[in-house]
Amino acid sequence: MGRGKIEIKKIENPTNRQVTYSKRRTGIMKKAKELTVLCDAEVSLIMFSSTGKFSEYCSPLSDTKTIFDRYQQVSGINLWSAQYEKMQNTLNHLREINQNLRREIRQRMGEDLDSLGIHELRGLEQNLDEALKVVRHRKYHVITTQTDTYKKKMHLKSALDHLLK
């Protein structure tokens, strides 16, 4: 006696949905293995659950990348071109940022100033003045902190000497 047909729709109860996914995942993995053994087929199966858990099966004498490459050849679809193009765009963007930062460093070192106009030179001068103020502020803060520390040490030493006399 067979089972009754079920309506194929999303299972609303999360617990029941997870149990069903787990059982059916096991069943489809078993079928993929059987297909590999019985028919000498190359099979690659990749699944992600609704919680993001990853499951895969690949035929023993193959790997997923080889199967993807064959799929690309047969279908004429390049699965990696969009990702490659995105990576190239990111690389070009990072190169541009790197070049700009290197140029800015050279300009702050007093090199490569010939291409700058009067406004850029004034901006560079202002940036250097601001950086100089920050460095001086830090320097004076460090000196003040050290001076205060030495004053406290001297005060403690004199108080200790006074107690020992």
Protein backbone atom coordinates (compact mmCIF):
# COMPACT_ATOMS: atom_id res chain seq x y z
CA MET A 1 0.00 0.00 0.00
CA GLY A 2 1.51 3.35 -1.08
CA ARG A 3 1.42 6.69 0.56
CA GLY A 4 -1.12 9.33 -0.28
CA LYS A 5 -0.09 12.31 -2.37
CA ILE A 6 0.87 15.44 -0.50
CA GLU A 7 0.34 18.96 -1.69
CA ILE A 8 3.66 20.55 -2.62
CA LYS A 9 3.81 23.86 -0.79
CA LYS A 10 6.01 25.46 1.84
CA ILE A 11 5.73 23.79 5.23
CA GLU A 12 4.81 26.57 7.65
CA ASN A 13 5.93 24.91 10.89
CA PRO A 14 9.73 25.45 11.12
CA THR A 15 10.35 22.24 13.06
CA ASN A 16 8.39 20.11 10.58
CA ARG A 17 10.08 21.93 7.69
CA GLN A 18 13.55 21.14 9.10
CA VAL A 19 12.68 17.49 9.72
CA THR A 20 11.32 17.16 6.19
CA TYR A 21 14.40 18.87 4.74
CA SER A 22 16.72 16.55 6.65
CA LYS A 23 14.89 13.40 5.52
CA ARG A 24 14.58 14.51 1.90
CA ARG A 25 18.22 15.68 1.83
CA THR A 26 19.27 12.20 2.93
CA GLY A 27 17.03 10.67 0.25
CA ILE A 28 18.33 12.85 -2.58
CA MET A 29 21.94 12.20 -1.50
CA LYS A 30 21.22 8.47 -1.59
CA LYS A 31 19.70 8.81 -5.09
CA ALA A 32 22.74 10.79 -6.31
CA LYS A 33 25.09 8.05 -5.02
CA GLU A 34 22.95 5.34 -6.62
CA LEU A 35 22.93 7.21 -9.93
CA THR A 36 26.73 7.47 -9.80
CA VAL A 37 27.19 3.75 -9.09
CA LEU A 38 24.46 2.28 -11.30
CA CYS A 39 24.90 4.50 -14.35
CA ASP A 40 28.54 5.58 -14.04
CA ALA A 41 27.33 9.18 -14.12
CA GLU A 42 29.24 12.18 -12.85
CA VAL A 43 27.02 13.85 -10.28
CA SER A 44 27.50 16.99 -8.24
CA LEU A 45 24.82 18.05 -5.80
CA ILE A 46 24.97 21.24 -3.74
CA MET A 47 22.30 22.27 -1.23
CA PHE A 48 21.83 25.05 1.29
CA SER A 49 19.15 24.73 3.95
CA SER A 50 16.96 27.65 4.96
CA THR A 51 19.28 28.11 7.94
CA GLY A 52 22.28 28.35 5.60
CA LYS A 53 23.78 24.93 6.30
CA PHE A 54 25.73 23.53 3.37
CA SER A 55 25.50 19.97 2.04
CA GLU A 56 27.14 18.51 -1.03
CA TYR A 57 27.77 15.28 -2.87
CA CYS A 58 30.19 14.74 -5.71
CA SER A 59 30.99 11.56 -7.61
CA PRO A 60 34.06 9.80 -6.20
CA LEU A 61 36.25 10.11 -9.32
CA SER A 62 35.31 13.73 -10.00
CA ASP A 63 35.13 17.09 -8.31
CA THR A 64 32.58 19.90 -8.35
CA LYS A 65 34.84 22.32 -10.24
CA THR A 66 35.36 19.83 -13.09
CA ILE A 67 31.61 19.29 -13.35
CA PHE A 68 30.98 23.07 -13.34
CA ASP A 69 33.59 23.51 -16.07
CA ARG A 70 31.93 20.84 -18.20
CA TYR A 71 28.54 22.48 -17.59
CA GLN A 72 29.96 25.79 -18.83
CA GLN A 73 31.33 24.14 -21.99
CA VAL A 74 28.10 22.35 -22.83
CA SER A 75 25.72 25.21 -21.98
CA GLY A 76 27.89 28.06 -23.22
CA ILE A 77 27.26 29.92 -19.96
CA ASN A 78 30.27 31.39 -18.18
CA LEU A 79 29.51 31.04 -14.48
CA TRP A 80 32.61 32.91 -13.36
CA SER A 81 32.65 35.91 -15.72
CA ALA A 82 30.46 38.14 -13.54
CA GLN A 83 32.59 37.38 -10.47
CA TYR A 84 35.80 37.88 -12.47
CA GLU A 85 34.56 41.21 -13.80
CA LYS A 86 33.60 42.35 -10.30
CA MET A 87 37.03 41.37 -8.99
CA GLN A 88 38.70 43.24 -11.87
CA ASN A 89 36.66 46.37 -11.10
CA THR A 90 37.59 46.13 -7.42
CA LEU A 91 41.25 45.65 -8.33
CA ASN A 92 41.22 48.68 -10.65
CA HIS A 93 39.51 50.78 -7.99
CA LEU A 94 42.09 49.75 -5.37
CA ARG A 95 44.94 50.48 -7.80
CA GLU A 96 43.53 53.97 -8.39
CA ILE A 97 43.26 54.59 -4.63
CA ASN A 98 46.83 53.31 -4.20
CA GLN A 99 48.15 55.62 -6.93
CA ASN A 100 46.35 58.61 -5.42
CA LEU A 101 47.74 57.88 -1.96
CA ARG A 102 51.27 57.42 -3.33
CA ARG A 103 50.99 60.71 -5.23
CA GLU A 104 49.72 62.44 -2.08
CA ILE A 105 52.63 61.05 -0.07
CA ARG A 106 55.12 62.23 -2.70
CA GLN A 107 53.52 65.68 -2.68
CA ARG A 108 53.70 65.87 1.11
CA MET A 109 57.38 64.96 0.82
CA GLY A 110 57.83 67.94 -1.53
CA GLU A 111 58.05 65.90 -4.73
CA ASP A 112 55.80 65.82 -7.79
CA LEU A 113 54.49 69.36 -7.22
CA ASP A 114 54.83 70.59 -10.82
CA SER A 115 51.39 69.33 -11.85
CA LEU A 116 49.61 71.15 -9.00
CA GLY A 117 47.78 74.44 -9.46
CA ILE A 118 47.75 77.31 -7.00
CA HIS A 119 44.58 76.04 -5.25
CA GLU A 120 46.01 72.54 -4.79
CA LEU A 121 49.28 74.00 -3.46
CA ARG A 122 47.35 76.14 -0.97
CA GLY A 123 45.32 73.10 0.08
CA LEU A 124 48.51 71.09 0.52
CA GLU A 125 50.00 73.91 2.60
CA GLN A 126 46.89 74.01 4.80
CA ASN A 127 47.00 70.23 5.24
CA LEU A 128 50.65 70.42 6.25
CA ASP A 129 49.92 73.27 8.69
CA GLU A 130 47.10 71.24 10.27
CA ALA A 131 49.32 68.17 10.50
CA LEU A 132 52.06 70.27 12.09
CA LYS A 133 49.58 71.59 14.68
CA VAL A 134 48.50 68.03 15.51
CA VAL A 135 52.12 66.89 15.90
CA ARG A 136 52.97 69.89 18.10
CA HIS A 137 49.86 69.30 20.22
CA ARG A 138 50.83 65.65 20.74
CA LYS A 139 54.42 66.62 21.49
CA TYR A 140 53.39 69.21 24.10
CA HIS A 141 50.93 66.74 25.62
CA VAL A 142 53.67 64.11 25.98
CA ILE A 143 56.11 66.66 27.43
CA THR A 144 53.48 67.95 29.86
CA THR A 145 52.57 64.43 30.96
CA GLN A 146 56.23 63.52 31.48
CA THR A 147 56.87 66.76 33.39
CA ASP A 148 53.87 66.14 35.65
CA THR A 149 55.04 62.58 36.26
CA TYR A 150 58.55 63.74 37.20
CA LYS A 151 57.11 66.45 39.49
CA LYS A 152 54.99 63.82 41.26
CA LYS A 153 58.02 61.54 41.63
CA MET A 154 60.12 64.39 43.04
CA HIS A 155 57.32 65.35 45.43
CA LEU A 156 56.96 61.73 46.60
CA LYS A 157 60.75 61.44 46.99
CA SER A 158 60.99 64.60 49.04
CA ALA A 159 58.02 63.50 51.18
CA LEU A 160 59.68 60.09 51.69
CA ASP A 161 63.03 61.73 52.56
CA HIS A 162 61.23 64.00 55.03
CA LEU A 163 59.55 60.98 56.69
CA LEU A 164 62.82 59.08 56.92
CA LYS A 165 64.60 61.96 58.73
